[in-house]
Amino acid sequence: MRSRNDYDEKESSDGGFVLGLLVGATIGAAAAMLFAPKSGVETRQQIKDLADQQKDKLRNQWEETKLKAAIAVEEGKEKLNTVAEQTKEVVDSYADKAKDTVNHLADGTKATVDKFQKRY
């Protein structure tokens, strides 16, 4: 069975793959344009258009990544708060039990001391 960390690693490595794919596609397209039989002006315009498209794609990917990171941070905070509350409840419960036990032992000890003092 795969853990959540396995999925997180896969998701994070997908981002690198997509980035590599975009960069590779840009380089390949630019190389194809440079070797295509077009005028220099057309080729430069085509390269500029392609660069603008790739810049927009990268910007969108960056924004998506920031959004995912913000969501992950919020989820982490919520989980941390939940665990903190649960831990506090458990600690408080044990503290109450310990206090009750100490009070019970103190009462028993006092009763024993009182009996001992009455006898002697």
PDB file of N, CA and C in Angstrom:
ATOM      1  N   MET A   1       0.852  -1.178   0.000  1.00  0.00           N
ATOM      2  CA  MET A   1       0.000   0.000   0.000  1.00  0.00           C
ATOM      3  C   MET A   1       0.894   1.236   0.000  1.00  0.00           C
ATOM      4  N   ARG A   2       0.543   2.217  -0.807  1.00  0.00           N
ATOM      5  CA  ARG A   2       1.361   3.418  -0.915  1.00  0.00           C
ATOM      6  C   ARG A   2       0.963   4.427   0.148  1.00  0.00           C
ATOM      7  N   SER A   3       1.950   5.091   0.685  1.00  0.00           N
ATOM      8  CA  SER A   3       1.667   6.100   1.703  1.00  0.00           C
ATOM      9  C   SER A   3       1.417   7.446   1.030  1.00  0.00           C
ATOM     10  N   ARG A   4       0.953   8.405   1.829  1.00  0.00           N
ATOM     11  CA  ARG A   4       0.690   9.744   1.298  1.00  0.00           C
ATOM     12  C   ARG A   4       1.980  10.363   0.771  1.00  0.00           C
ATOM     13  N   ASN A   5       3.111  10.059   1.418  1.00  0.00           N
ATOM     14  CA  ASN A   5       4.384  10.609   0.970  1.00  0.00           C
ATOM     15  C   ASN A   5       4.727  10.140  -0.431  1.00  0.00           C
ATOM     16  N   ASP A   6       4.369   8.888  -0.764  1.00  0.00           N
ATOM     17  CA  ASP A   6       4.629   8.388  -2.109  1.00  0.00           C
ATOM     18  C   ASP A   6       3.881   9.217  -3.137  1.00  0.00           C
ATOM     19  N   TYR A   7       2.640   9.575  -2.840  1.00  0.00           N
ATOM     20  CA  TYR A   7       1.863  10.384  -3.766  1.00  0.00           C
ATOM     21  C   TYR A   7       2.426  11.794  -3.855  1.00  0.00           C
ATOM     22  N   ASP A   8       2.837  12.353  -2.703  1.00  0.00           N
ATOM     23  CA  ASP A   8       3.411  13.694  -2.708  1.00  0.00           C
ATOM     24  C   ASP A   8       4.666  13.740  -3.560  1.00  0.00           C
ATOM     25  N   GLU A   9       5.518  12.715  -3.433  1.00  0.00           N
ATOM     26  CA  GLU A   9       6.740  12.685  -4.226  1.00  0.00           C
ATOM     27  C   GLU A   9       6.403  12.591  -5.706  1.00  0.00           C
ATOM     28  N   LYS A  10       5.417  11.792  -6.060  1.00  0.00           N
ATOM     29  CA  LYS A  10       5.022  11.652  -7.456  1.00  0.00           C
ATOM     30  C   LYS A  10       4.495  12.975  -7.977  1.00  0.00           C
ATOM     31  N   GLU A  11       3.625  13.635  -7.186  1.00  0.00           N
ATOM     32  CA  GLU A  11       3.071  14.902  -7.616  1.00  0.00           C
ATOM     33  C   GLU A  11       4.169  15.943  -7.804  1.00  0.00           C
ATOM     34  N   SER A  12       5.128  15.981  -6.884  1.00  0.00           N
ATOM     35  CA  SER A  12       6.184  16.979  -6.997  1.00  0.00           C
ATOM     36  C   SER A  12       7.111  16.668  -8.161  1.00  0.00           C
ATOM     37  N   SER A  13       7.334  15.391  -8.457  1.00  0.00           N
ATOM     38  CA  SER A  13       8.198  15.061  -9.583  1.00  0.00           C
ATOM     39  C   SER A  13       7.486  15.321 -10.899  1.00  0.00           C
ATOM     40  N   ASP A  14       6.150  15.283 -10.919  1.00  0.00           N
ATOM     41  CA  ASP A  14       5.402  15.597 -12.130  1.00  0.00           C
ATOM     42  C   ASP A  14       5.634  17.044 -12.537  1.00  0.00           C
ATOM     43  N   GLY A  15       5.768  17.937 -11.579  1.00  0.00           N
ATOM     44  CA  GLY A  15       6.023  19.342 -11.880  1.00  0.00           C
ATOM     45  C   GLY A  15       7.341  19.513 -12.606  1.00  0.00           C
ATOM     46  N   GLY A  16       8.365  18.787 -12.175  1.00  0.00           N
ATOM     47  CA  GLY A  16       9.658  18.843 -12.853  1.00  0.00           C
ATOM     48  C   GLY A  16       9.582  18.264 -14.247  1.00  0.00           C
ATOM     49  N   PHE A  17       8.803  17.214 -14.391  1.00  0.00           N
ATOM     50  CA  PHE A  17       8.638  16.594 -15.703  1.00  0.00           C
ATOM     51  C   PHE A  17       7.961  17.560 -16.663  1.00  0.00           C
ATOM     52  N   VAL A  18       6.899  18.220 -16.189  1.00  0.00           N
ATOM     53  CA  VAL A  18       6.165  19.163 -17.036  1.00  0.00           C
ATOM     54  C   VAL A  18       7.066  20.325 -17.420  1.00  0.00           C
ATOM     55  N   LEU A  19       7.827  20.834 -16.466  1.00  0.00           N
ATOM     56  CA  LEU A  19       8.742  21.931 -16.759  1.00  0.00           C
ATOM     57  C   LEU A  19       9.768  21.500 -17.802  1.00  0.00           C
ATOM     58  N   GLY A  20      10.334  20.318 -17.629  1.00  0.00           N
ATOM     59  CA  GLY A  20      11.295  19.808 -18.606  1.00  0.00           C
ATOM     60  C   GLY A  20      10.671  19.637 -19.973  1.00  0.00           C
ATOM     61  N   LEU A  21       9.435  19.167 -19.990  1.00  0.00           N
ATOM     62  CA  LEU A  21       8.720  18.988 -21.248  1.00  0.00           C
ATOM     63  C   LEU A  21       8.516  20.326 -21.946  1.00  0.00           C
ATOM     64  N   LEU A  22       8.121  21.348 -21.185  1.00  0.00           N
ATOM     65  CA  LEU A  22       7.915  22.676 -21.773  1.00  0.00           C
ATOM     66  C   LEU A  22       9.218  23.264 -22.314  1.00  0.00           C
ATOM     67  N   VAL A  23      10.275  23.143 -21.540  1.00  0.00           N
ATOM     68  CA  VAL A  23      11.569  23.673 -21.981  1.00  0.00           C
ATOM     69  C   VAL A  23      12.040  22.929 -23.225  1.00  0.00           C
ATOM     70  N   GLY A  24      11.919  21.610 -23.214  1.00  0.00           N
ATOM     71  CA  GLY A  24      12.325  20.816 -24.376  1.00  0.00           C
ATOM     72  C   GLY A  24      11.517  21.154 -25.612  1.00  0.00           C
ATOM     73  N   ALA A  25      10.210  21.339 -25.435  1.00  0.00           N
ATOM     74  CA  ALA A  25       9.353  21.693 -26.570  1.00  0.00           C
ATOM     75  C   ALA A  25       9.736  23.055 -27.127  1.00  0.00           C
ATOM     76  N   THR A  26      10.047  23.983 -26.243  1.00  0.00           N
ATOM     77  CA  THR A  26      10.447  25.320 -26.685  1.00  0.00           C
ATOM     78  C   THR A  26      11.743  25.267 -27.483  1.00  0.00           C
ATOM     79  N   ILE A  27      12.717  24.554 -26.966  1.00  0.00           N
ATOM     80  CA  ILE A  27      14.006  24.441 -27.660  1.00  0.00           C
ATOM     81  C   ILE A  27      13.819  23.747 -29.008  1.00  0.00           C
ATOM     82  N   GLY A  28      13.044  22.670 -29.017  1.00  0.00           N
ATOM     83  CA  GLY A  28      12.808  21.946 -30.267  1.00  0.00           C
ATOM     84  C   GLY A  28      12.089  22.799 -31.291  1.00  0.00           C
ATOM     85  N   ALA A  29      11.076  23.541 -30.858  1.00  0.00           N
ATOM     86  CA  ALA A  29      10.334  24.397 -31.781  1.00  0.00           C
ATOM     87  C   ALA A  29      11.219  25.522 -32.310  1.00  0.00           C
ATOM     88  N   ALA A  30      12.038  26.095 -31.426  1.00  0.00           N
ATOM     89  CA  ALA A  30      12.940  27.164 -31.860  1.00  0.00           C
ATOM     90  C   ALA A  30      13.944  26.636 -32.879  1.00  0.00           C
ATOM     91  N   ALA A  31      14.476  25.450 -32.638  1.00  0.00           N
ATOM     92  CA  ALA A  31      15.431  24.860 -33.586  1.00  0.00           C
ATOM     93  C   ALA A  31      14.752  24.582 -34.923  1.00  0.00           C
ATOM     94  N   ALA A  32      13.523  24.081 -34.890  1.00  0.00           N
ATOM     95  CA  ALA A  32      12.797  23.800 -36.135  1.00  0.00           C
ATOM     96  C   ALA A  32      12.557  25.084 -36.915  1.00  0.00           C
ATOM     97  N   MET A  33      12.247  26.168 -36.215  1.00  0.00           N
ATOM     98  CA  MET A  33      12.001  27.442 -36.896  1.00  0.00           C
ATOM     99  C   MET A  33      13.270  27.996 -37.530  1.00  0.00           C
ATOM    100  N   LEU A  34      14.370  27.809 -36.822  1.00  0.00           N
ATOM    101  CA  LEU A  34      15.631  28.334 -37.352  1.00  0.00           C
ATOM    102  C   LEU A  34      16.042  27.620 -38.638  1.00  0.00           C
ATOM    103  N   PHE A  35      15.668  26.368 -38.767  1.00  0.00           N
ATOM    104  CA  PHE A  35      16.036  25.609 -39.958  1.00  0.00           C
ATOM    105  C   PHE A  35      14.946  25.624 -41.030  1.00  0.00           C
ATOM    106  N   ALA A  36      13.815  26.253 -40.748  1.00  0.00           N
ATOM    107  CA  ALA A  36      12.724  26.329 -41.727  1.00  0.00           C
ATOM    108  C   ALA A  36      13.045  27.401 -42.768  1.00  0.00           C
ATOM    109  N   PRO A  37      12.622  27.183 -43.995  1.00  0.00           N
ATOM    110  CA  PRO A  37      12.921  28.161 -45.062  1.00  0.00           C
ATOM    111  C   PRO A  37      11.962  29.357 -45.014  1.00  0.00           C
ATOM    112  N   LYS A  38      12.207  30.257 -44.069  1.00  0.00           N
ATOM    113  CA  LYS A  38      11.407  31.476 -43.949  1.00  0.00           C
ATOM    114  C   LYS A  38      12.354  32.660 -43.851  1.00  0.00           C
ATOM    115  N   SER A  39      11.795  33.829 -44.012  1.00  0.00           N
ATOM    116  CA  SER A  39      12.630  35.022 -43.889  1.00  0.00           C
ATOM    117  C   SER A  39      13.001  35.232 -42.424  1.00  0.00           C
ATOM    118  N   GLY A  40      14.028  36.001 -42.202  1.00  0.00           N
ATOM    119  CA  GLY A  40      14.491  36.274 -40.848  1.00  0.00           C
ATOM    120  C   GLY A  40      13.438  36.963 -40.004  1.00  0.00           C
ATOM    121  N   VAL A  41      12.700  37.892 -40.604  1.00  0.00           N
ATOM    122  CA  VAL A  41      11.663  38.621 -39.874  1.00  0.00           C
ATOM    123  C   VAL A  41      10.571  37.655 -39.419  1.00  0.00           C
ATOM    124  N   GLU A  42      10.131  36.778 -40.322  1.00  0.00           N
ATOM    125  CA  GLU A  42       9.089  35.805 -39.970  1.00  0.00           C
ATOM    126  C   GLU A  42       9.574  34.857 -38.877  1.00  0.00           C
ATOM    127  N   THR A  43      10.812  34.410 -39.022  1.00  0.00           N
ATOM    128  CA  THR A  43      11.363  33.469 -38.047  1.00  0.00           C
ATOM    129  C   THR A  43      11.471  34.115 -36.675  1.00  0.00           C
ATOM    130  N   ARG A  44      11.973  35.360 -36.631  1.00  0.00           N
ATOM    131  CA  ARG A  44      12.095  36.054 -35.350  1.00  0.00           C
ATOM    132  C   ARG A  44      10.722  36.270 -34.708  1.00  0.00           C
ATOM    133  N   GLN A  45       9.735  36.628 -35.514  1.00  0.00           N
ATOM    134  CA  GLN A  45       8.383  36.825 -34.986  1.00  0.00           C
ATOM    135  C   GLN A  45       7.816  35.511 -34.453  1.00  0.00           C
ATOM    136  N   GLN A  46       8.067  34.446 -35.191  1.00  0.00           N
ATOM    137  CA  GLN A  46       7.577  33.135 -34.765  1.00  0.00           C
ATOM    138  C   GLN A  46       8.241  32.717 -33.445  1.00  0.00           C
ATOM    139  N   ILE A  47       9.543  32.972 -33.330  1.00  0.00           N
ATOM    140  CA  ILE A  47      10.267  32.646 -32.094  1.00  0.00           C
ATOM    141  C   ILE A  47       9.734  33.499 -30.940  1.00  0.00           C
ATOM    142  N   LYS A  48       9.500  34.785 -31.204  1.00  0.00           N
ATOM    143  CA  LYS A  48       8.960  35.666 -30.165  1.00  0.00           C
ATOM    144  C   LYS A  48       7.586  35.182 -29.715  1.00  0.00           C
ATOM    145  N   ASP A  49       6.734  34.829 -30.651  1.00  0.00           N
ATOM    146  CA  ASP A  49       5.392  34.331 -30.305  1.00  0.00           C
ATOM    147  C   ASP A  49       5.478  33.058 -29.469  1.00  0.00           C
ATOM    148  N   LEU A  50       6.352  32.162 -29.889  1.00  0.00           N
ATOM    149  CA  LEU A  50       6.517  30.908 -29.154  1.00  0.00           C
ATOM    150  C   LEU A  50       7.046  31.177 -27.742  1.00  0.00           C
ATOM    151  N   ALA A  51       8.013  32.079 -27.633  1.00  0.00           N
ATOM    152  CA  ALA A  51       8.565  32.415 -26.317  1.00  0.00           C
ATOM    153  C   ALA A  51       7.483  33.015 -25.422  1.00  0.00           C
ATOM    154  N   ASP A  52       6.636  33.870 -25.995  1.00  0.00           N
ATOM    155  CA  ASP A  52       5.538  34.456 -25.215  1.00  0.00           C
ATOM    156  C   ASP A  52       4.567  33.380 -24.739  1.00  0.00           C
ATOM    157  N   GLN A  53       4.261  32.425 -25.612  1.00  0.00           N
ATOM    158  CA  GLN A  53       3.361  31.331 -25.234  1.00  0.00           C
ATOM    159  C   GLN A  53       3.950  30.517 -24.083  1.00  0.00           C
ATOM    160  N   GLN A  54       5.229  30.197 -24.203  1.00  0.00           N
ATOM    161  CA  GLN A  54       5.875  29.396 -23.169  1.00  0.00           C
ATOM    162  C   GLN A  54       5.963  30.168 -21.856  1.00  0.00           C
ATOM    163  N   LYS A  55       6.209  31.472 -21.962  1.00  0.00           N
ATOM    164  CA  LYS A  55       6.257  32.308 -20.758  1.00  0.00           C
ATOM    165  C   LYS A  55       4.899  32.280 -20.056  1.00  0.00           C
ATOM    166  N   ASP A  56       3.832  32.383 -20.834  1.00  0.00           N
ATOM    167  CA  ASP A  56       2.487  32.330 -20.249  1.00  0.00           C
ATOM    168  C   ASP A  56       2.223  30.974 -19.603  1.00  0.00           C
ATOM    169  N   LYS A  57       2.640  29.900 -20.261  1.00  0.00           N
ATOM    170  CA  LYS A  57       2.446  28.561 -19.698  1.00  0.00           C
ATOM    171  C   LYS A  57       3.205  28.419 -18.385  1.00  0.00           C
ATOM    172  N   LEU A  58       4.445  28.892 -18.367  1.00  0.00           N
ATOM    173  CA  LEU A  58       5.247  28.811 -17.141  1.00  0.00           C
ATOM    174  C   LEU A  58       4.643  29.662 -16.029  1.00  0.00           C
ATOM    175  N   ARG A  59       4.147  30.835 -16.382  1.00  0.00           N
ATOM    176  CA  ARG A  59       3.512  31.702 -15.384  1.00  0.00           C
ATOM    177  C   ARG A  59       2.281  31.001 -14.799  1.00  0.00           C
ATOM    178  N   ASN A  60       1.473  30.388 -15.666  1.00  0.00           N
ATOM    179  CA  ASN A  60       0.291  29.662 -15.186  1.00  0.00           C
ATOM    180  C   ASN A  60       0.689  28.504 -14.280  1.00  0.00           C
ATOM    181  N   GLN A  61       1.742  27.785 -14.681  1.00  0.00           N
ATOM    182  CA  GLN A  61       2.203  26.665 -13.858  1.00  0.00           C
ATOM    183  C   GLN A  61       2.711  27.177 -12.509  1.00  0.00           C
ATOM    184  N   TRP A  62       3.406  28.291 -12.514  1.00  0.00           N
ATOM    185  CA  TRP A  62       3.914  28.880 -11.277  1.00  0.00           C
ATOM    186  C   TRP A  62       2.754  29.250 -10.352  1.00  0.00           C
ATOM    187  N   GLU A  63       1.727  29.891 -10.904  1.00  0.00           N
ATOM    188  CA  GLU A  63       0.566  30.280 -10.102  1.00  0.00           C
ATOM    189  C   GLU A  63      -0.141  29.051  -9.537  1.00  0.00           C
ATOM    190  N   GLU A  64      -0.268  28.020 -10.355  1.00  0.00           N
ATOM    191  CA  GLU A  64      -0.899  26.780  -9.899  1.00  0.00           C
ATOM    192  C   GLU A  64      -0.089  26.144  -8.766  1.00  0.00           C
ATOM    193  N   THR A  65       1.230  26.161  -8.909  1.00  0.00           N
ATOM    194  CA  THR A  65       2.100  25.596  -7.877  1.00  0.00           C
ATOM    195  C   THR A  65       1.983  26.394  -6.577  1.00  0.00           C
ATOM    196  N   LYS A  66       1.945  27.717  -6.679  1.00  0.00           N
ATOM    197  CA  LYS A  66       1.781  28.544  -5.479  1.00  0.00           C
ATOM    198  C   LYS A  66       0.448  28.248  -4.796  1.00  0.00           C
ATOM    199  N   LEU A  67      -0.605  28.078  -5.584  1.00  0.00           N
ATOM    200  CA  LEU A  67      -1.918  27.774  -5.023  1.00  0.00           C
ATOM    201  C   LEU A  67      -1.902  26.426  -4.308  1.00  0.00           C
ATOM    202  N   LYS A  68      -1.297  25.418  -4.947  1.00  0.00           N
ATOM    203  CA  LYS A  68      -1.201  24.095  -4.322  1.00  0.00           C
ATOM    204  C   LYS A  68      -0.404  24.169  -3.019  1.00  0.00           C
ATOM    205  N   ALA A  69       0.673  24.955  -3.026  1.00  0.00           N
ATOM    206  CA  ALA A  69       1.491  25.092  -1.814  1.00  0.00           C
ATOM    207  C   ALA A  69       0.690  25.773  -0.703  1.00  0.00           C
ATOM    208  N   ALA A  70      -0.070  26.800  -1.050  1.00  0.00           N
ATOM    209  CA  ALA A  70      -0.880  27.498  -0.045  1.00  0.00           C
ATOM    210  C   ALA A  70      -1.934  26.561   0.540  1.00  0.00           C
ATOM    211  N   ILE A  71      -2.546  25.758  -0.313  1.00  0.00           N
ATOM    212  CA  ILE A  71      -3.547  24.797   0.154  1.00  0.00           C
ATOM    213  C   ILE A  71      -2.895  23.775   1.081  1.00  0.00           C
ATOM    214  N   ALA A  72      -1.722  23.284   0.687  1.00  0.00           N
ATOM    215  CA  ALA A  72      -1.013  22.297   1.512  1.00  0.00           C
ATOM    216  C   ALA A  72      -0.646  22.887   2.873  1.00  0.00           C
ATOM    217  N   VAL A  73      -0.228  24.140   2.893  1.00  0.00           N
ATOM    218  CA  VAL A  73       0.120  24.799   4.158  1.00  0.00           C
ATOM    219  C   VAL A  73      -1.117  24.904   5.049  1.00  0.00           C
ATOM    220  N   GLU A  74      -2.240  25.309   4.473  1.00  0.00           N
ATOM    221  CA  GLU A  74      -3.477  25.422   5.255  1.00  0.00           C
ATOM    222  C   GLU A  74      -3.913  24.065   5.794  1.00  0.00           C
ATOM    223  N   GLU A  75      -3.835  23.029   4.951  1.00  0.00           N
ATOM    224  CA  GLU A  75      -4.190  21.683   5.410  1.00  0.00           C
ATOM    225  C   GLU A  75      -3.268  21.244   6.543  1.00  0.00           C
ATOM    226  N   GLY A  76      -1.982  21.562   6.406  1.00  0.00           N
ATOM    227  CA  GLY A  76      -1.020  21.219   7.453  1.00  0.00           C
ATOM    228  C   GLY A  76      -1.336  21.925   8.762  1.00  0.00           C
ATOM    229  N   LYS A  77      -1.700  23.200   8.674  1.00  0.00           N
ATOM    230  CA  LYS A  77      -2.065  23.953   9.881  1.00  0.00           C
ATOM    231  C   LYS A  77      -3.294  23.344  10.548  1.00  0.00           C
ATOM    232  N   GLU A  78      -4.288  22.999   9.731  1.00  0.00           N
ATOM    233  CA  GLU A  78      -5.513  22.413  10.283  1.00  0.00           C
ATOM    234  C   GLU A  78      -5.216  21.084  10.973  1.00  0.00           C
ATOM    235  N   LYS A  79      -4.403  20.250  10.330  1.00  0.00           N
ATOM    236  CA  LYS A  79      -4.052  18.958  10.926  1.00  0.00           C
ATOM    237  C   LYS A  79      -3.270  19.160  12.217  1.00  0.00           C
ATOM    238  N   LEU A  80      -2.347  20.107  12.201  1.00  0.00           N
ATOM    239  CA  LEU A  80      -1.551  20.388  13.391  1.00  0.00           C
ATOM    240  C   LEU A  80      -2.440  20.869  14.535  1.00  0.00           C
ATOM    241  N   ASN A  81      -3.386  21.747  14.232  1.00  0.00           N
ATOM    242  CA  ASN A  81      -4.311  22.227  15.268  1.00  0.00           C
ATOM    243  C   ASN A  81      -5.158  21.084  15.812  1.00  0.00           C
ATOM    244  N   THR A  82      -5.612  20.204  14.935  1.00  0.00           N
ATOM    245  CA  THR A  82      -6.416  19.058  15.370  1.00  0.00           C
ATOM    246  C   THR A  82      -5.608  18.157  16.294  1.00  0.00           C
ATOM    247  N   VAL A  83      -4.380  17.857  15.897  1.00  0.00           N
ATOM    248  CA  VAL A  83      -3.519  17.003  16.723  1.00  0.00           C
ATOM    249  C   VAL A  83      -3.227  17.688  18.056  1.00  0.00           C
ATOM    250  N   ALA A  84      -2.996  18.984  18.030  1.00  0.00           N
ATOM    251  CA  ALA A  84      -2.722  19.718  19.272  1.00  0.00           C
ATOM    252  C   ALA A  84      -3.927  19.658  20.211  1.00  0.00           C
ATOM    253  N   GLU A  85      -5.127  19.832  19.651  1.00  0.00           N
ATOM    254  CA  GLU A  85      -6.332  19.769  20.482  1.00  0.00           C
ATOM    255  C   GLU A  85      -6.520  18.371  21.067  1.00  0.00           C
ATOM    256  N   GLN A  86      -6.322  17.355  20.235  1.00  0.00           N
ATOM    257  CA  GLN A  86      -6.473  15.979  20.714  1.00  0.00           C
ATOM    258  C   GLN A  86      -5.449  15.669  21.798  1.00  0.00           C
ATOM    259  N   THR A  87      -4.226  16.124  21.604  1.00  0.00           N
ATOM    260  CA  THR A  87      -3.173  15.898  22.590  1.00  0.00           C
ATOM    261  C   THR A  87      -3.522  16.590  23.901  1.00  0.00           C
ATOM    262  N   LYS A  88      -4.012  17.821  23.816  1.00  0.00           N
ATOM    263  CA  LYS A  88      -4.400  18.559  25.024  1.00  0.00           C
ATOM    264  C   LYS A  88      -5.513  17.825  25.764  1.00  0.00           C
ATOM    265  N   GLU A  89      -6.488  17.305  25.018  1.00  0.00           N
ATOM    266  CA  GLU A  89      -7.588  16.575  25.653  1.00  0.00           C
ATOM    267  C   GLU A  89      -7.076  15.331  26.376  1.00  0.00           C
ATOM    268  N   VAL A  90      -6.167  14.604  25.736  1.00  0.00           N
ATOM    269  CA  VAL A  90      -5.616  13.391  26.350  1.00  0.00           C
ATOM    270  C   VAL A  90      -4.810  13.754  27.593  1.00  0.00           C
ATOM    271  N   VAL A  91      -3.972  14.772  27.484  1.00  0.00           N
ATOM    272  CA  VAL A  91      -3.152  15.191  28.629  1.00  0.00           C
ATOM    273  C   VAL A  91      -4.047  15.666  29.772  1.00  0.00           C
ATOM    274  N   ASP A  92      -5.067  16.454  29.448  1.00  0.00           N
ATOM    275  CA  ASP A  92      -5.994  16.919  30.491  1.00  0.00           C
ATOM    276  C   ASP A  92      -6.702  15.744  31.157  1.00  0.00           C
ATOM    277  N   SER A  93      -7.095  14.768  30.361  1.00  0.00           N
ATOM    278  CA  SER A  93      -7.771  13.584  30.903  1.00  0.00           C
ATOM    279  C   SER A  93      -6.855  12.838  31.870  1.00  0.00           C
ATOM    280  N   TYR A  94      -5.602  12.619  31.446  1.00  0.00           N
ATOM    281  CA  TYR A  94      -4.652  11.931  32.326  1.00  0.00           C
ATOM    282  C   TYR A  94      -4.340  12.765  33.567  1.00  0.00           C
ATOM    283  N   ALA A  95      -4.277  14.069  33.411  1.00  0.00           N
ATOM    284  CA  ALA A  95      -4.019  14.935  34.566  1.00  0.00           C
ATOM    285  C   ALA A  95      -5.174  14.842  35.560  1.00  0.00           C
ATOM    286  N   ASP A  96      -6.401  14.825  35.048  1.00  0.00           N
ATOM    287  CA  ASP A  96      -7.565  14.688  35.940  1.00  0.00           C
ATOM    288  C   ASP A  96      -7.540  13.346  36.659  1.00  0.00           C
ATOM    289  N   LYS A  97      -7.227  12.277  35.924  1.00  0.00           N
ATOM    290  CA  LYS A  97      -7.157  10.946  36.538  1.00  0.00           C
ATOM    291  C   LYS A  97      -6.061  10.901  37.596  1.00  0.00           C
ATOM    292  N   ALA A  98      -4.914  11.502  37.278  1.00  0.00           N
ATOM    293  CA  ALA A  98      -3.805  11.516  38.233  1.00  0.00           C
ATOM    294  C   ALA A  98      -4.192  12.311  39.481  1.00  0.00           C
ATOM    295  N   LYS A  99      -4.870  13.421  39.286  1.00  0.00           N
ATOM    296  CA  LYS A  99      -5.303  14.246  40.420  1.00  0.00           C
ATOM    297  C   LYS A  99      -6.285  13.464  41.299  1.00  0.00           C
ATOM    298  N   ASP A 100      -7.232  12.775  40.647  1.00  0.00           N
ATOM    299  CA  ASP A 100      -8.188  11.960  41.405  1.00  0.00           C
ATOM    300  C   ASP A 100      -7.472  10.861  42.189  1.00  0.00           C
ATOM    301  N   THR A 101      -6.500  10.221  41.545  1.00  0.00           N
ATOM    302  CA  THR A 101      -5.749   9.148  42.206  1.00  0.00           C
ATOM    303  C   THR A 101      -4.964   9.694  43.390  1.00  0.00           C
ATOM    304  N   VAL A 102      -4.310  10.821  43.206  1.00  0.00           N
ATOM    305  CA  VAL A 102      -3.542  11.438  44.296  1.00  0.00           C
ATOM    306  C   VAL A 102      -4.475  11.808  45.446  1.00  0.00           C
ATOM    307  N   ASN A 103      -5.626  12.390  45.130  1.00  0.00           N
ATOM    308  CA  ASN A 103      -6.590  12.751  46.185  1.00  0.00           C
ATOM    309  C   ASN A 103      -7.082  11.505  46.919  1.00  0.00           C
ATOM    310  N   HIS A 104      -7.363  10.449  46.164  1.00  0.00           N
ATOM    311  CA  HIS A 104      -7.814   9.198  46.774  1.00  0.00           C
ATOM    312  C   HIS A 104      -6.730   8.628  47.698  1.00  0.00           C
ATOM    313  N   LEU A 105      -5.485   8.624  47.208  1.00  0.00           N
ATOM    314  CA  LEU A 105      -4.376   8.126  48.029  1.00  0.00           C
ATOM    315  C   LEU A 105      -4.171   9.003  49.260  1.00  0.00           C
ATOM    316  N   ALA A 106      -4.305  10.302  49.091  1.00  0.00           N
ATOM    317  CA  ALA A 106      -4.138  11.216  50.226  1.00  0.00           C
ATOM    318  C   ALA A 106      -5.226  10.976  51.266  1.00  0.00           C
ATOM    319  N   ASP A 107      -6.463  10.785  50.799  1.00  0.00           N
ATOM    320  CA  ASP A 107      -7.563  10.509  51.735  1.00  0.00           C
ATOM    321  C   ASP A 107      -7.327   9.190  52.463  1.00  0.00           C
ATOM    322  N   GLY A 108      -6.896   8.176  51.719  1.00  0.00           N
ATOM    323  CA  GLY A 108      -6.617   6.873  52.328  1.00  0.00           C
ATOM    324  C   GLY A 108      -5.485   6.956  53.322  1.00  0.00           C
ATOM    325  N   THR A 109      -4.454   7.695  52.979  1.00  0.00           N
ATOM    326  CA  THR A 109      -3.311   7.853  53.874  1.00  0.00           C
ATOM    327  C   THR A 109      -3.731   8.609  55.128  1.00  0.00           C
ATOM    328  N   LYS A 110      -4.521   9.653  54.970  1.00  0.00           N
ATOM    329  CA  LYS A 110      -4.994  10.434  56.122  1.00  0.00           C
ATOM    330  C   LYS A 110      -5.849   9.555  57.035  1.00  0.00           C
ATOM    331  N   ALA A 111      -6.710   8.743  56.434  1.00  0.00           N
ATOM    332  CA  ALA A 111      -7.556   7.850  57.241  1.00  0.00           C
ATOM    333  C   ALA A 111      -6.696   6.852  58.000  1.00  0.00           C
ATOM    334  N   THR A 112      -5.666   6.328  57.359  1.00  0.00           N
ATOM    335  CA  THR A 112      -4.771   5.371  58.011  1.00  0.00           C
ATOM    336  C   THR A 112      -4.020   6.047  59.146  1.00  0.00           C
ATOM    337  N   VAL A 113      -3.542   7.249  58.925  1.00  0.00           N
ATOM    338  CA  VAL A 113      -2.823   7.994  59.962  1.00  0.00           C
ATOM    339  C   VAL A 113      -3.761   8.280  61.131  1.00  0.00           C
ATOM    340  N   ASP A 114      -4.992   8.675  60.832  1.00  0.00           N
ATOM    341  CA  ASP A 114      -5.972   8.952  61.901  1.00  0.00           C
ATOM    342  C   ASP A 114      -6.238   7.695  62.734  1.00  0.00           C
ATOM    343  N   LYS A 115      -6.408   6.554  62.081  1.00  0.00           N
ATOM    344  CA  LYS A 115      -6.636   5.290  62.797  1.00  0.00           C
ATOM    345  C   LYS A 115      -5.436   4.951  63.668  1.00  0.00           C
ATOM    346  N   PHE A 116      -4.256   5.146  63.108  1.00  0.00           N
ATOM    347  CA  PHE A 116      -3.026   4.837  63.837  1.00  0.00           C
ATOM    348  C   PHE A 116      -2.917   5.721  65.070  1.00  0.00           C
ATOM    349  N   GLN A 117      -3.223   7.004  64.910  1.00  0.00           N
ATOM    350  CA  GLN A 117      -3.125   7.941  66.031  1.00  0.00           C
ATOM    351  C   GLN A 117      -4.160   7.621  67.117  1.00  0.00           C
ATOM    352  N   LYS A 118      -5.333   7.170  66.742  1.00  0.00           N
ATOM    353  CA  LYS A 118      -6.360   6.824  67.722  1.00  0.00           C
ATOM    354  C   LYS A 118      -5.957   5.586  68.509  1.00  0.00           C
ATOM    355  N   ARG A 119      -5.284   4.674  67.860  1.00  0.00           N
ATOM    356  CA  ARG A 119      -4.880   3.444  68.528  1.00  0.00           C
ATOM    357  C   ARG A 119      -3.705   3.693  69.462  1.00  0.00           C
ATOM    358  N   TYR A 120      -2.858   4.631  69.167  1.00  0.00           N
ATOM    359  CA  TYR A 120      -1.632   4.796  69.956  1.00  0.00           C
ATOM    360  C   TYR A 120      -1.574   6.114  70.565  1.00  0.00           C
TER     361      TYR A 120
END
